[in-house]
Amino acid sequence: MQQKIPVLLASFLLGMCLISGVSVEAQSPIEGPSWTLGWATDMDSTYIVDMDIDWDAEGEIAVYVENNRMTQLELTLEYEFDSWVPFTFSGPETFSVAANGNETFTIKFDSVDDEAAREYNPSNISTLTVTAEEKVGDTTASTQEIEGEVSVPKIFDLRPSVTLPEEQLFAGSSIELTAQIINNGNTKDAVKEATVQFRSCPHLSMIGVEELANTVVDPTGAQSGKDTFVTLTLEASTSQPTRVCEVTLSLESEGDEATRSSTFDVDVEAIQADEDDSSSNDDDQDDDDVLLREESNSVPWVGATELLMLLGLVSVLRKSS
């Protein structure tokens, strides 16, 4: 009897081990391998959404889901930026991945209002968070999220705008005009070089153009930028004839090295040489009139003297006869 006890004990322990092994194998398919959410697009560096000078935004980011389970995976998706961004974004709200499958979905970017887009400084970086939630009924079974940095490119559009005064420009004189340096981009820019050209008017010059180089300009009408105004002096030499002169002021942007211009017309009046000659002729005519008056006045005076002498002579001759 005593020999049967160890045998029964050994059999019991062996049976418990077998039952435990079967239980572990039965539970493993339920726990199963995990699923993975990740970036299919390279997000190691900041993703730049395509944007052109018309503020049209375009782009997409791909996300993959790898399901290593033996059953289909059902996910609910959410997307969120940590700050305002100058574009719209959209992606699927739900996503399914078959057992042992690997599928991708995309987040697409699109345009917003032009002026609104300029309010975003491209030096800023916004963080996009994608959250994937697995639910079983109303219960959240598991959740994963990924983050990536997103921004927009720097857009440059630097150009001059000239306002002419009401006063007339005459040869041998000058006028002051006001020029605004407009920055229609989304970041600060500077004037790399400024030039001026005169069409068919070589006797004109503009003072202050060269000093515009290195002028830093804030975005105009956006991001609380300050307007930039400058005063230029337009001079006409004394040899400038009467003419409508075409003037072109050009600015080269330091940001994109593009040159943009503003062209305007200026009326120039020459020195009136005919009027000066006419005035001189009038003076000469006045002098001639004076001389003529003097001569006309002297002739009658001489005639009267001779007449008196003649009358006296006649009177003497009568008396002597």
Protein backbone atom coordinates (compact mmCIF):
# COMPACT_ATOMS: atom_id res chain seq x y z
CA MET A 1 0.00 0.00 0.00
CA GLN A 2 2.83 2.30 0.84
CA GLN A 3 4.40 1.60 -2.58
CA LYS A 4 1.23 2.70 -4.41
CA ILE A 5 1.23 6.17 -2.81
CA PRO A 6 4.39 7.45 -4.62
CA VAL A 7 3.09 6.04 -7.90
CA LEU A 8 -0.26 7.78 -7.51
CA LEU A 9 1.46 11.04 -6.53
CA ALA A 10 3.70 10.93 -9.58
CA SER A 11 0.73 10.22 -11.83
CA PHE A 12 -1.16 13.16 -10.34
CA LEU A 13 1.72 15.58 -10.86
CA LEU A 14 2.20 14.41 -14.46
CA GLY A 15 -1.49 14.90 -15.15
CA MET A 16 -1.40 18.44 -13.76
CA CYS A 17 1.52 19.31 -16.01
CA LEU A 18 -0.30 18.02 -19.08
CA ILE A 19 -3.46 19.94 -18.19
CA SER A 20 -1.42 23.13 -17.64
CA GLY A 21 0.25 22.73 -21.04
CA VAL A 22 -3.08 22.24 -22.80
CA SER A 23 -4.47 25.30 -21.03
CA VAL A 24 -1.56 27.51 -22.17
CA GLU A 25 -1.89 26.31 -25.76
CA ALA A 26 -5.63 26.94 -25.65
CA GLN A 27 -5.16 30.50 -24.39
CA SER A 28 -2.38 31.56 -26.81
CA PRO A 29 -4.65 32.08 -29.87
CA ILE A 30 -6.86 34.33 -27.74
CA GLU A 31 -3.99 36.55 -26.57
CA GLY A 32 -2.35 36.33 -29.98
CA PRO A 33 0.43 38.44 -31.51
CA SER A 34 0.07 42.25 -31.54
CA TRP A 35 -0.69 44.71 -34.38
CA THR A 36 1.47 47.70 -35.34
CA LEU A 37 0.67 51.26 -36.47
CA GLY A 38 3.46 53.18 -38.23
CA TRP A 39 4.47 55.71 -40.88
CA ALA A 40 4.81 54.44 -44.42
CA THR A 41 6.03 57.91 -45.44
CA ASP A 42 9.46 58.92 -44.19
CA MET A 43 8.71 61.10 -41.16
CA ASP A 44 12.18 61.13 -39.62
CA SER A 45 12.36 64.78 -40.66
CA THR A 46 9.61 67.41 -40.94
CA TYR A 47 7.15 66.70 -43.75
CA ILE A 48 6.64 69.81 -45.93
CA VAL A 49 3.21 70.15 -47.52
CA ASP A 50 3.45 71.33 -51.14
CA MET A 51 2.29 74.94 -51.53
CA ASP A 52 2.64 77.36 -54.46
CA ILE A 53 2.48 81.14 -54.89
CA ASP A 54 -1.32 80.90 -55.23
CA TRP A 55 -1.44 79.20 -51.81
CA ASP A 56 -2.76 75.95 -53.23
CA ALA A 57 -1.77 73.19 -50.82
CA GLU A 58 -1.35 69.58 -51.79
CA GLY A 59 0.21 66.47 -50.31
CA GLU A 60 -0.39 63.19 -48.55
CA ILE A 61 1.14 61.04 -45.85
CA ALA A 62 0.84 57.25 -45.84
CA VAL A 63 0.29 55.17 -42.69
CA TYR A 64 0.57 51.39 -42.46
CA VAL A 65 -1.11 48.89 -40.15
CA GLU A 66 0.42 45.44 -39.74
CA ASN A 67 -1.88 42.77 -38.30
CA ASN A 68 -0.10 39.63 -37.06
CA ARG A 69 -3.20 38.10 -35.59
CA MET A 70 -5.14 35.16 -36.91
CA THR A 71 -8.30 37.28 -37.03
CA GLN A 72 -9.30 40.47 -38.86
CA LEU A 73 -8.44 43.76 -37.17
CA GLU A 74 -10.99 46.60 -37.00
CA LEU A 75 -9.74 50.09 -36.09
CA THR A 76 -11.21 53.54 -35.47
CA LEU A 77 -8.93 56.40 -36.55
CA GLU A 78 -8.54 59.99 -35.37
CA TYR A 79 -6.25 62.81 -36.57
CA GLU A 80 -5.21 65.91 -34.67
CA PHE A 81 -2.71 68.78 -35.00
CA ASP A 82 -1.38 70.51 -31.91
CA SER A 83 -1.79 73.95 -33.57
CA TRP A 84 -3.64 75.67 -36.41
CA VAL A 85 -2.34 74.74 -39.87
CA PRO A 86 -2.89 76.57 -43.21
CA PHE A 87 -4.40 73.56 -44.97
CA THR A 88 -7.15 71.03 -44.56
CA PHE A 89 -6.49 67.36 -43.83
CA SER A 90 -8.57 64.23 -44.05
CA GLY A 91 -8.27 60.46 -43.75
CA PRO A 92 -10.45 57.38 -43.22
CA GLU A 93 -12.39 57.18 -39.97
CA THR A 94 -12.29 53.38 -39.83
CA PHE A 95 -9.85 50.84 -41.22
CA SER A 96 -9.82 47.04 -41.53
CA VAL A 97 -6.84 44.74 -41.91
CA ALA A 98 -7.17 41.06 -42.70
CA ALA A 99 -5.49 38.39 -40.60
CA ASN A 100 -1.71 38.43 -41.10
CA GLY A 101 -2.17 41.45 -43.38
CA ASN A 102 -0.35 44.71 -43.91
CA GLU A 103 -2.40 47.60 -45.30
CA THR A 104 -1.83 51.35 -45.76
CA PHE A 105 -4.11 54.39 -45.77
CA THR A 106 -3.37 58.04 -46.62
CA ILE A 107 -3.92 61.39 -44.97
CA LYS A 108 -4.51 64.05 -47.64
CA PHE A 109 -3.86 67.79 -47.44
CA ASP A 110 -5.76 70.49 -49.36
CA SER A 111 -6.03 74.29 -49.62
CA VAL A 112 -7.62 76.90 -47.39
CA ASP A 113 -8.24 80.64 -47.98
CA ASP A 114 -5.25 82.53 -49.43
CA GLU A 115 -5.06 85.22 -46.76
CA ALA A 116 -5.45 82.67 -44.00
CA ALA A 117 -2.57 80.62 -45.41
CA ARG A 118 -0.22 83.62 -45.17
CA GLU A 119 -0.86 83.87 -41.44
CA TYR A 120 1.13 80.68 -40.83
CA ASN A 121 4.84 81.24 -40.32
CA PRO A 122 6.77 78.47 -42.11
CA SER A 123 9.34 78.55 -39.32
CA ASN A 124 6.68 76.94 -37.14
CA ILE A 125 6.32 73.18 -36.89
CA SER A 126 3.01 71.47 -36.14
CA THR A 127 2.73 67.96 -34.72
CA LEU A 128 0.25 65.55 -36.29
CA THR A 129 -1.03 62.74 -34.07
CA VAL A 130 -2.75 59.69 -35.55
CA THR A 131 -4.64 57.53 -33.05
CA ALA A 132 -5.85 54.01 -33.88
CA GLU A 133 -8.26 52.32 -31.48
CA GLU A 134 -9.30 48.68 -31.55
CA LYS A 135 -12.73 48.04 -30.08
CA VAL A 136 -14.54 44.88 -29.18
CA GLY A 137 -18.15 45.95 -28.88
CA ASP A 138 -18.14 49.12 -26.83
CA THR A 139 -14.91 48.23 -25.08
CA THR A 140 -11.50 49.50 -26.15
CA ALA A 141 -9.28 46.49 -26.54
CA SER A 142 -6.07 48.32 -27.50
CA THR A 143 -4.86 51.72 -28.69
CA GLN A 144 -1.80 52.93 -30.57
CA GLU A 145 -0.75 56.38 -31.77
CA ILE A 146 2.04 57.88 -33.84
CA GLU A 147 3.29 61.46 -34.18
CA GLY A 148 4.99 63.36 -36.99
CA GLU A 149 6.09 66.93 -37.65
CA VAL A 150 4.47 68.88 -40.51
CA SER A 151 5.05 72.38 -41.90
CA VAL A 152 4.79 74.43 -45.12
CA PRO A 153 7.46 75.89 -47.45
CA LYS A 154 8.62 79.49 -47.42
CA ILE A 155 6.87 81.49 -50.14
CA PHE A 156 8.57 84.66 -51.46
CA ASP A 157 6.90 87.46 -53.43
CA LEU A 158 8.67 90.81 -53.06
CA ARG A 159 7.66 93.72 -55.32
CA PRO A 160 7.52 97.56 -55.37
CA SER A 161 4.46 99.79 -55.60
CA VAL A 162 4.99 103.47 -56.51
CA THR A 163 2.74 106.44 -55.72
CA LEU A 164 3.37 109.60 -57.77
CA PRO A 165 2.86 113.12 -56.39
CA GLU A 166 0.47 115.57 -58.03
CA GLU A 167 3.15 118.16 -58.71
CA GLN A 168 4.62 118.56 -62.20
CA LEU A 169 8.23 117.61 -62.95
CA PHE A 170 10.12 120.25 -64.92
CA ALA A 171 13.54 120.02 -66.52
CA GLY A 172 16.17 121.19 -64.06
CA SER A 173 14.02 120.26 -61.04
CA SER A 174 13.02 117.21 -58.97
CA ILE A 175 10.03 115.65 -57.24
CA GLU A 176 9.70 113.16 -54.38
CA LEU A 177 7.71 109.98 -54.81
CA THR A 178 6.68 107.29 -52.32
CA ALA A 179 7.38 103.61 -52.88
CA GLN A 180 6.06 100.74 -50.79
CA ILE A 181 7.99 97.49 -50.72
CA ILE A 182 5.29 94.83 -50.64
CA ASN A 183 5.96 91.33 -49.31
CA ASN A 184 3.18 89.03 -50.47
CA GLY A 185 4.95 85.96 -49.09
CA ASN A 186 4.59 84.16 -45.78
CA THR A 187 7.97 84.97 -44.25
CA LYS A 188 10.38 87.88 -43.90
CA ASP A 189 12.31 88.84 -47.02
CA ALA A 190 14.92 91.43 -47.96
CA VAL A 191 15.91 93.47 -51.01
CA LYS A 192 19.02 91.97 -52.55
CA GLU A 193 19.35 94.65 -55.24
CA ALA A 194 17.29 97.60 -56.50
CA THR A 195 17.56 99.13 -59.97
CA VAL A 196 15.73 101.73 -62.07
CA GLN A 197 15.40 102.12 -65.84
CA PHE A 198 14.20 105.07 -67.92
CA ARG A 199 12.82 104.48 -71.38
CA SER A 200 13.68 107.20 -73.93
CA CYS A 201 14.56 109.61 -71.13
CA PRO A 202 18.31 109.44 -70.45
CA HIS A 203 18.28 112.80 -68.67
CA LEU A 204 16.28 111.43 -65.72
CA SER A 205 17.78 109.98 -62.54
CA MET A 206 16.41 108.57 -59.28
CA ILE A 207 18.12 109.20 -55.96
CA GLY A 208 17.82 106.63 -53.16
CA VAL A 209 17.43 103.47 -55.22
CA GLU A 210 20.79 101.92 -54.33
CA GLU A 211 20.09 102.46 -50.62
CA LEU A 212 17.15 100.04 -50.82
CA ALA A 213 19.50 97.04 -50.81
CA ASN A 214 19.38 94.94 -47.60
CA THR A 215 16.02 96.42 -46.57
CA VAL A 216 14.21 93.77 -44.51
CA VAL A 217 10.48 93.53 -45.20
CA ASP A 218 7.82 91.83 -43.05
CA PRO A 219 4.90 89.99 -44.68
CA THR A 220 2.51 92.73 -45.81
CA GLY A 221 -0.93 92.48 -44.23
CA ALA A 222 -0.15 89.21 -42.43
CA GLN A 223 1.48 87.96 -39.22
CA SER A 224 1.24 91.50 -37.75
CA GLY A 225 3.96 92.63 -40.14
CA LYS A 226 4.92 96.30 -40.43
CA ASP A 227 4.53 98.09 -43.77
CA THR A 228 7.71 99.34 -45.43
CA PHE A 229 7.64 102.73 -47.20
CA VAL A 230 10.58 104.60 -48.73
CA THR A 231 10.98 108.05 -50.32
CA LEU A 232 12.78 108.38 -53.65
CA THR A 233 13.74 111.55 -55.53
CA LEU A 234 13.20 111.79 -59.28
CA GLU A 235 15.40 114.38 -60.98
CA ALA A 236 15.35 115.81 -64.51
CA SER A 237 18.37 117.62 -65.95
CA THR A 238 18.04 120.98 -67.66
CA SER A 239 18.51 119.29 -71.05
CA GLN A 240 15.46 117.05 -70.60
CA PRO A 241 12.91 117.73 -73.36
CA THR A 242 9.15 117.67 -72.90
CA ARG A 243 8.20 114.01 -72.88
CA VAL A 244 6.21 111.26 -71.16
CA CYS A 245 8.91 109.09 -69.59
CA GLU A 246 8.41 105.42 -68.75
CA VAL A 247 10.12 104.52 -65.46
CA THR A 248 10.64 100.95 -64.19
CA LEU A 249 11.66 100.28 -60.58
CA SER A 250 12.87 96.70 -60.00
CA LEU A 251 13.58 94.79 -56.78
CA GLU A 252 15.43 91.49 -56.50
CA SER A 253 14.27 89.26 -53.65
CA GLU A 254 16.88 87.80 -51.36
CA GLY A 255 14.60 84.86 -50.66
CA ASP A 256 13.99 83.46 -54.15
CA GLU A 257 16.36 85.74 -56.14
CA ALA A 258 13.49 86.69 -58.46
CA THR A 259 13.19 90.25 -59.80
CA ARG A 260 9.78 91.94 -59.80
CA SER A 261 9.05 95.43 -61.13
CA SER A 262 6.65 98.35 -61.12
CA THR A 263 6.36 100.54 -64.24
CA PHE A 264 4.84 104.02 -64.29
CA ASP A 265 4.78 107.13 -66.52
CA VAL A 266 6.07 110.59 -65.61
CA ASP A 267 5.30 113.79 -67.56
CA VAL A 268 8.33 116.05 -67.86
CA GLU A 269 8.11 119.66 -69.09
CA ALA A 270 11.19 121.16 -70.73
CA ILE A 271 12.50 124.68 -70.15
CA GLN A 272 10.51 126.95 -72.49
CA ALA A 273 13.25 128.49 -74.69
CA ASP A 274 10.63 130.05 -77.04
CA GLU A 275 9.13 132.03 -74.21
CA ASP A 276 12.57 133.33 -73.25
CA ASP A 277 13.20 134.41 -76.84
CA SER A 278 9.77 136.00 -77.02
CA SER A 279 10.46 137.90 -73.82
CA SER A 280 13.78 139.07 -75.23
CA ASN A 281 12.09 140.13 -78.46
CA ASP A 282 9.48 142.04 -76.47
CA ASP A 283 12.24 143.91 -74.67
CA ASP A 284 13.91 144.77 -77.98
CA GLN A 285 10.58 145.91 -79.38
CA ASP A 286 10.06 148.16 -76.38
CA ASP A 287 13.48 149.72 -76.93
CA ASP A 288 12.70 150.31 -80.60
CA ASP A 289 9.42 151.97 -79.70
CA VAL A 290 11.21 154.32 -77.35
CA LEU A 291 13.68 155.29 -80.05
CA LEU A 292 10.92 155.83 -82.58
CA ARG A 293 9.01 158.03 -80.18
CA GLU A 294 12.09 160.08 -79.51
CA GLU A 295 12.78 160.47 -83.22
CA SER A 296 9.19 161.36 -84.05
CA ASN A 297 9.13 163.88 -81.27
CA SER A 298 12.38 165.52 -82.43
CA VAL A 299 11.29 166.00 -86.04
CA PRO A 300 8.35 168.32 -85.28
CA TRP A 301 10.57 170.39 -82.93
CA VAL A 302 13.16 171.05 -85.65
CA GLY A 303 10.42 171.92 -88.22
CA ALA A 304 8.87 174.55 -85.92
CA THR A 305 12.17 176.37 -85.48
CA GLU A 306 12.77 176.56 -89.18
CA LEU A 307 9.20 177.79 -89.69
CA LEU A 308 9.69 180.65 -87.22
CA MET A 309 12.93 181.66 -88.88
CA LEU A 310 11.25 181.61 -92.26
CA LEU A 311 8.35 183.76 -91.04
CA GLY A 312 10.79 186.24 -89.51
CA LEU A 313 12.70 186.49 -92.78
CA VAL A 314 9.50 187.13 -94.73
CA SER A 315 8.48 189.86 -92.28
CA VAL A 316 11.84 191.63 -92.66
CA LEU A 317 11.63 191.48 -96.45
CA ARG A 318 8.16 193.04 -96.41
CA LYS A 319 9.26 195.91 -94.20
CA SER A 320 12.27 196.68 -96.37
CA SER A 321 10.09 196.83 -99.48
